[in-house]
Amino acid sequence: FSTENWKRPKREVDFLMKLPEEFLGTFLPEL
């Protein structure tokens, strides 16, 4: 996520900000 990506639609930005939780929440034990 770049400093310029905040310009994207709010719904998309909100989803992108939730992805680290989902990714790390499921993948962390494997990491």
All heavy atoms as atom14 arrays in JSON, in Angstrom:
{
  "sequence": "FSTENWKRPKREVDFLMKLPEEFLGTFLPEL",
  "atom14_mask": [
    [1, 1, 1, 1, 1, 1, 1, 1, 1, 1, 1, 0, 0, 0],
    [1, 1, 1, 1, 1, 1, 0, 0, 0, 0, 0, 0, 0, 0],
    [1, 1, 1, 1, 1, 1, 1, 0, 0, 0, 0, 0, 0, 0],
    [1, 1, 1, 1, 1, 1, 1, 1, 1, 0, 0, 0, 0, 0],
    [1, 1, 1, 1, 1, 1, 1, 1, 0, 0, 0, 0, 0, 0],
    [1, 1, 1, 1, 1, 1, 1, 1, 1, 1, 1, 1, 1, 1],
    [1, 1, 1, 1, 1, 1, 1, 1, 1, 0, 0, 0, 0, 0],
    [1, 1, 1, 1, 1, 1, 1, 1, 1, 1, 1, 0, 0, 0],
    [1, 1, 1, 1, 1, 1, 1, 0, 0, 0, 0, 0, 0, 0],
    [1, 1, 1, 1, 1, 1, 1, 1, 1, 0, 0, 0, 0, 0],
    [1, 1, 1, 1, 1, 1, 1, 1, 1, 1, 1, 0, 0, 0],
    [1, 1, 1, 1, 1, 1, 1, 1, 1, 0, 0, 0, 0, 0],
    [1, 1, 1, 1, 1, 1, 1, 0, 0, 0, 0, 0, 0, 0],
    [1, 1, 1, 1, 1, 1, 1, 1, 0, 0, 0, 0, 0, 0],
    [1, 1, 1, 1, 1, 1, 1, 1, 1, 1, 1, 0, 0, 0],
    [1, 1, 1, 1, 1, 1, 1, 1, 0, 0, 0, 0, 0, 0],
    [1, 1, 1, 1, 1, 1, 1, 1, 0, 0, 0, 0, 0, 0],
    [1, 1, 1, 1, 1, 1, 1, 1, 1, 0, 0, 0, 0, 0],
    [1, 1, 1, 1, 1, 1, 1, 1, 0, 0, 0, 0, 0, 0],
    [1, 1, 1, 1, 1, 1, 1, 0, 0, 0, 0, 0, 0, 0],
    [1, 1, 1, 1, 1, 1, 1, 1, 1, 0, 0, 0, 0, 0],
    [1, 1, 1, 1, 1, 1, 1, 1, 1, 0, 0, 0, 0, 0],
    [1, 1, 1, 1, 1, 1, 1, 1, 1, 1, 1, 0, 0, 0],
    [1, 1, 1, 1, 1, 1, 1, 1, 0, 0, 0, 0, 0, 0],
    [1, 1, 1, 1, 0, 0, 0, 0, 0, 0, 0, 0, 0, 0],
    [1, 1, 1, 1, 1, 1, 1, 0, 0, 0, 0, 0, 0, 0],
    [1, 1, 1, 1, 1, 1, 1, 1, 1, 1, 1, 0, 0, 0],
    [1, 1, 1, 1, 1, 1, 1, 1, 0, 0, 0, 0, 0, 0],
    [1, 1, 1, 1, 1, 1, 1, 0, 0, 0, 0, 0, 0, 0],
    [1, 1, 1, 1, 1, 1, 1, 1, 1, 0, 0, 0, 0, 0],
    [1, 1, 1, 1, 1, 1, 1, 1, 0, 0, 0, 0, 0, 0]
  ],
  "atom14_positions": [
    [[0.87, -1.19, 0.0], [0.0, 0.0, 0.0], [0.89, 1.23, 0.0], [1.76, 1.38, 0.86], [-0.9, 0.01, 1.25], [-2.01, 1.02, 1.21], [-3.25, 0.7, 0.68], [-1.83, 2.3, 1.73], [-4.29, 1.63, 0.66], [-2.84, 3.24, 1.7], [-4.08, 2.9, 1.16], [0.0, 0.0, 0.0], [0.0, 0.0, 0.0], [0.0, 0.0, 0.0]],
    [[0.71, 2.1, -0.99], [1.55, 3.28, -1.1], [0.89, 4.49, -0.43], [-0.31, 4.47, -0.13], [1.81, 3.61, -2.57], [0.67, 4.2, -3.16], [0.0, 0.0, 0.0], [0.0, 0.0, 0.0], [0.0, 0.0, 0.0], [0.0, 0.0, 0.0], [0.0, 0.0, 0.0], [0.0, 0.0, 0.0], [0.0, 0.0, 0.0], [0.0, 0.0, 0.0]],
    [[1.68, 5.52, -0.21], [1.14, 6.75, 0.36], [0.14, 7.4, -0.58], [-0.68, 8.21, -0.14], [2.28, 7.75, 0.66], [3.13, 7.86, -0.5], [3.13, 7.27, 1.83], [0.0, 0.0, 0.0], [0.0, 0.0, 0.0], [0.0, 0.0, 0.0], [0.0, 0.0, 0.0], [0.0, 0.0, 0.0], [0.0, 0.0, 0.0], [0.0, 0.0, 0.0]],
    [[0.19, 7.05, -1.86], [-0.76, 7.6, -2.83], [-2.07, 6.79, -2.89], [-3.07, 7.28, -3.43], [-0.13, 7.63, -4.23], [1.0, 8.66, -4.4], [2.29, 8.23, -3.74], [2.6, 7.02, -3.73], [2.98, 9.12, -3.18], [0.0, 0.0, 0.0], [0.0, 0.0, 0.0], [0.0, 0.0, 0.0], [0.0, 0.0, 0.0], [0.0, 0.0, 0.0]],
    [[-2.06, 5.59, -2.36], [-3.24, 4.73, -2.47], [-4.42, 5.22, -1.63], [-5.55, 4.73, -1.81], [-2.91, 3.29, -2.07], [-2.09, 2.55, -3.12], [-1.38, 1.59, -2.81], [-2.18, 2.99, -4.37], [0.0, 0.0, 0.0], [0.0, 0.0, 0.0], [0.0, 0.0, 0.0], [0.0, 0.0, 0.0], [0.0, 0.0, 0.0], [0.0, 0.0, 0.0]],
    [[-4.19, 6.17, -0.74], [-5.31, 6.73, 0.03], [-6.3, 7.45, -0.87], [-7.44, 7.71, -0.47], [-4.78, 7.7, 1.1], [-3.91, 7.06, 2.14], [-2.56, 7.16, 2.25], [-4.33, 6.2, 3.22], [-2.11, 6.43, 3.32], [-3.18, 5.84, 3.94], [-5.58, 5.72, 3.64], [-3.22, 5.0, 5.06], [-5.63, 4.89, 4.75], [-4.47, 4.54, 5.45]],
    [[-5.88, 7.79, -2.1], [-6.76, 8.48, -3.04], [-7.84, 7.56, -3.62], [-8.76, 8.03, -4.27], [-5.93, 9.07, -4.19], [-4.85, 10.05, -3.76], [-3.97, 10.42, -4.94], [-2.8, 11.27, -4.52], [-1.88, 11.56, -5.66], [0.0, 0.0, 0.0], [0.0, 0.0, 0.0], [0.0, 0.0, 0.0], [0.0, 0.0, 0.0], [0.0, 0.0, 0.0]],
    [[-7.71, 6.27, -3.4], [-8.67, 5.32, -3.96], [-10.0, 5.4, -3.21], [-10.09, 6.0, -2.13], [-8.1, 3.9, -3.87], [-6.86, 3.71, -4.73], [-6.4, 2.27, -4.75], [-5.28, 2.08, -5.65], [-4.77, 0.9, -5.96], [-5.27, -0.21, -5.43], [-3.74, 0.8, -6.8], [0.0, 0.0, 0.0], [0.0, 0.0, 0.0], [0.0, 0.0, 0.0]],
    [[-11.07, 4.81, -3.79], [-12.37, 4.86, -3.13], [-12.3, 4.32, -1.69], [-11.56, 3.36, -1.42], [-13.25, 3.96, -4.01], [-12.6, 4.03, -5.35], [-11.13, 4.13, -5.09], [0.0, 0.0, 0.0], [0.0, 0.0, 0.0], [0.0, 0.0, 0.0], [0.0, 0.0, 0.0], [0.0, 0.0, 0.0], [0.0, 0.0, 0.0], [0.0, 0.0, 0.0]],
    [[-13.04, 4.94, -0.79], [-12.98, 4.58, 0.63], [-13.26, 3.1, 0.86], [-12.59, 2.46, 1.69], [-13.98, 5.43, 1.43], [-13.9, 5.19, 2.94], [-14.87, 6.07, 3.68], [-14.71, 5.91, 5.2], [-14.92, 4.51, 5.65], [0.0, 0.0, 0.0], [0.0, 0.0, 0.0], [0.0, 0.0, 0.0], [0.0, 0.0, 0.0], [0.0, 0.0, 0.0]],
    [[-14.21, 2.53, 0.15], [-14.54, 1.12, 0.34], [-13.33, 0.24, 0.03], [-13.05, -0.74, 0.74], [-15.72, 0.73, -0.55], [-16.15, -0.73, -0.42], [-17.48, -0.96, -1.12], [-17.9, -2.36, -1.05], [-17.7, -3.26, -1.99], [-17.09, -2.89, -3.12], [-18.12, -4.5, -1.84], [0.0, 0.0, 0.0], [0.0, 0.0, 0.0], [0.0, 0.0, 0.0]],
    [[-12.62, 0.59, -1.04], [-11.44, -0.18, -1.41], [-10.32, -0.02, -0.39], [-9.68, -0.99, 0.01], [-10.95, 0.23, -2.79], [-9.76, -0.59, -3.28], [-9.34, -0.22, -4.7], [-10.08, 0.54, -5.37], [-8.28, -0.7, -5.13], [0.0, 0.0, 0.0], [0.0, 0.0, 0.0], [0.0, 0.0, 0.0], [0.0, 0.0, 0.0], [0.0, 0.0, 0.0]],
    [[-10.12, 1.21, 0.06], [-9.08, 1.46, 1.07], [-9.39, 0.73, 2.37], [-8.52, 0.1, 2.97], [-8.94, 2.98, 1.34], [-8.05, 3.23, 2.56], [-8.36, 3.68, 0.12], [0.0, 0.0, 0.0], [0.0, 0.0, 0.0], [0.0, 0.0, 0.0], [0.0, 0.0, 0.0], [0.0, 0.0, 0.0], [0.0, 0.0, 0.0], [0.0, 0.0, 0.0]],
    [[-10.64, 0.78, 2.79], [-11.04, 0.08, 4.02], [-10.77, -1.41, 3.91], [-10.32, -2.05, 4.87], [-12.52, 0.33, 4.32], [-12.81, 1.75, 4.78], [-11.84, 2.46, 5.13], [-13.98, 2.14, 4.77], [0.0, 0.0, 0.0], [0.0, 0.0, 0.0], [0.0, 0.0, 0.0], [0.0, 0.0, 0.0], [0.0, 0.0, 0.0], [0.0, 0.0, 0.0]],
    [[-11.05, -1.97, 2.74], [-10.8, -3.4, 2.54], [-9.31, -3.7, 2.58], [-8.88, -4.68, 3.2], [-11.39, -3.85, 1.2], [-11.23, -5.33, 0.94], [-12.12, -6.24, 1.47], [-10.17, -5.8, 0.18], [-11.97, -7.61, 1.24], [-10.01, -7.15, -0.05], [-10.91, -8.06, 0.48], [0.0, 0.0, 0.0], [0.0, 0.0, 0.0], [0.0, 0.0, 0.0]],
    [[-8.52, -2.85, 1.92], [-7.08, -3.06, 1.91], [-6.48, -2.99, 3.31], [-5.52, -3.7, 3.62], [-6.41, -2.02, 1.0], [-6.62, -2.21, -0.5], [-6.17, -0.98, -1.27], [-5.87, -3.45, -0.99], [0.0, 0.0, 0.0], [0.0, 0.0, 0.0], [0.0, 0.0, 0.0], [0.0, 0.0, 0.0], [0.0, 0.0, 0.0], [0.0, 0.0, 0.0]],
    [[-7.06, -2.15, 4.16], [-6.57, -2.03, 5.53], [-6.96, -3.22, 6.39], [-6.4, -3.45, 7.47], [-7.1, -0.73, 6.16], [-6.45, 0.53, 5.61], [-4.66, 0.62, 5.96], [-3.98, 0.33, 4.32], [0.0, 0.0, 0.0], [0.0, 0.0, 0.0], [0.0, 0.0, 0.0], [0.0, 0.0, 0.0], [0.0, 0.0, 0.0], [0.0, 0.0, 0.0]],
    [[-7.93, -4.01, 5.92], [-8.32, -5.22, 6.65], [-7.51, -6.44, 6.2], [-7.44, -7.45, 6.92], [-9.81, -5.5, 6.44], [-10.73, -4.49, 7.12], [-12.19, -4.79, 6.81], [-13.11, -3.75, 7.45], [-14.54, -3.97, 7.08], [0.0, 0.0, 0.0], [0.0, 0.0, 0.0], [0.0, 0.0, 0.0], [0.0, 0.0, 0.0], [0.0, 0.0, 0.0]],
    [[-6.9, -6.35, 5.03], [-6.17, -7.5, 4.5], [-5.01, -7.95, 5.39], [-4.81, -9.16, 5.56], [-5.66, -7.2, 3.09], [-6.65, -7.44, 1.94], [-5.99, -7.12, 0.61], [-7.16, -8.87, 1.94], [0.0, 0.0, 0.0], [0.0, 0.0, 0.0], [0.0, 0.0, 0.0], [0.0, 0.0, 0.0], [0.0, 0.0, 0.0], [0.0, 0.0, 0.0]],
    [[-4.21, -7.03, 5.95], [-3.13, -7.51, 6.82], [-3.63, -8.34, 7.99], [-2.99, -9.32, 8.38], [-2.47, -6.2, 7.31], [-2.75, -5.22, 6.23], [-4.13, -5.57, 5.74], [0.0, 0.0, 0.0], [0.0, 0.0, 0.0], [0.0, 0.0, 0.0], [0.0, 0.0, 0.0], [0.0, 0.0, 0.0], [0.0, 0.0, 0.0], [0.0, 0.0, 0.0]],
    [[-4.79, -7.95, 8.55], [-5.37, -8.75, 9.64], [-5.71, -10.15, 9.17], [-5.38, -11.15, 9.84], [-6.64, -8.07, 10.15], [-6.45, -6.77, 10.88], [-7.79, -6.19, 11.3], [-8.26, -6.55, 12.41], [-8.37, -5.4, 10.54], [0.0, 0.0, 0.0], [0.0, 0.0, 0.0], [0.0, 0.0, 0.0], [0.0, 0.0, 0.0], [0.0, 0.0, 0.0]],
    [[-6.36, -10.24, 8.03], [-6.76, -11.54, 7.52], [-5.54, -12.38, 7.13], [-5.43, -13.56, 7.48], [-7.69, -11.39, 6.33], [-8.17, -12.71, 5.76], [-9.13, -12.55, 4.59], [-9.58, -11.41, 4.33], [-9.42, -13.57, 3.93], [0.0, 0.0, 0.0], [0.0, 0.0, 0.0], [0.0, 0.0, 0.0], [0.0, 0.0, 0.0], [0.0, 0.0, 0.0]],
    [[-4.63, -11.76, 6.4], [-3.44, -12.46, 5.93], [-2.61, -12.98, 7.11], [-2.27, -14.16, 7.19], [-2.6, -11.54, 5.05], [-1.3, -12.15, 4.59], [-1.27, -12.98, 3.48], [-0.11, -11.9, 5.25], [-0.07, -13.56, 3.04], [1.08, -12.46, 4.83], [1.09, -13.29, 3.72], [0.0, 0.0, 0.0], [0.0, 0.0, 0.0], [0.0, 0.0, 0.0]],
    [[-2.29, -12.07, 8.02], [-1.43, -12.44, 9.14], [-2.17, -13.31, 10.15], [-1.56, -14.17, 10.8], [-0.87, -11.18, 9.81], [0.07, -10.36, 8.91], [0.36, -9.0, 9.53], [1.37, -11.12, 8.66], [0.0, 0.0, 0.0], [0.0, 0.0, 0.0], [0.0, 0.0, 0.0], [0.0, 0.0, 0.0], [0.0, 0.0, 0.0], [0.0, 0.0, 0.0]],
    [[-3.48, -13.1, 10.26], [-4.26, -13.92, 11.18], [-4.26, -15.38, 10.79], [-4.22, -16.27, 11.65], [0.0, 0.0, 0.0], [0.0, 0.0, 0.0], [0.0, 0.0, 0.0], [0.0, 0.0, 0.0], [0.0, 0.0, 0.0], [0.0, 0.0, 0.0], [0.0, 0.0, 0.0], [0.0, 0.0, 0.0], [0.0, 0.0, 0.0], [0.0, 0.0, 0.0]],
    [[-4.3, -15.66, 9.49], [-4.35, -17.04, 9.02], [-2.96, -17.61, 8.74], [-2.73, -18.81, 8.91], [-5.2, -17.15, 7.74], [-4.66, -16.28, 6.74], [-6.63, -16.73, 8.02], [0.0, 0.0, 0.0], [0.0, 0.0, 0.0], [0.0, 0.0, 0.0], [0.0, 0.0, 0.0], [0.0, 0.0, 0.0], [0.0, 0.0, 0.0], [0.0, 0.0, 0.0]],
    [[-2.04, -16.78, 8.33], [-0.73, -17.23, 7.86], [0.34, -17.18, 8.95], [1.39, -17.8, 8.82], [-0.31, -16.37, 6.67], [0.86, -16.89, 5.87], [1.19, -18.23, 5.84], [1.63, -16.01, 5.11], [2.26, -18.7, 5.1], [2.7, -16.46, 4.37], [3.01, -17.81, 4.36], [0.0, 0.0, 0.0], [0.0, 0.0, 0.0], [0.0, 0.0, 0.0]],
    [[0.08, -16.45, 10.04], [1.11, -16.24, 11.06], [1.66, -17.55, 11.64], [2.88, -17.69, 11.77], [0.59, -15.33, 12.17], [1.62, -14.93, 13.24], [2.84, -14.27, 12.61], [0.98, -13.97, 14.25], [0.0, 0.0, 0.0], [0.0, 0.0, 0.0], [0.0, 0.0, 0.0], [0.0, 0.0, 0.0], [0.0, 0.0, 0.0], [0.0, 0.0, 0.0]],
    [[0.81, -18.51, 12.02], [1.37, -19.77, 12.54], [2.32, -20.44, 11.56], [3.36, -21.0, 11.96], [0.12, -20.62, 12.79], [-0.98, -19.64, 13.0], [-0.66, -18.51, 12.06], [0.0, 0.0, 0.0], [0.0, 0.0, 0.0], [0.0, 0.0, 0.0], [0.0, 0.0, 0.0], [0.0, 0.0, 0.0], [0.0, 0.0, 0.0], [0.0, 0.0, 0.0]],
    [[1.99, -20.37, 10.28], [2.86, -20.96, 9.26], [4.16, -20.19, 9.12], [5.23, -20.77, 8.94], [2.11, -20.99, 7.92], [2.73, -21.9, 6.89], [1.84, -22.08, 5.67], [0.61, -21.86, 5.78], [2.36, -22.44, 4.61], [0.0, 0.0, 0.0], [0.0, 0.0, 0.0], [0.0, 0.0, 0.0], [0.0, 0.0, 0.0], [0.0, 0.0, 0.0]],
    [[4.09, -18.86, 9.21], [5.3, -18.05, 9.16], [6.23, -18.38, 10.31], [7.45, -18.48, 10.15], [4.93, -16.56, 9.2], [4.21, -15.98, 7.97], [3.76, -14.56, 8.25], [5.12, -16.02, 6.75], [0.0, 0.0, 0.0], [0.0, 0.0, 0.0], [0.0, 0.0, 0.0], [0.0, 0.0, 0.0], [0.0, 0.0, 0.0], [0.0, 0.0, 0.0]]
  ]
}
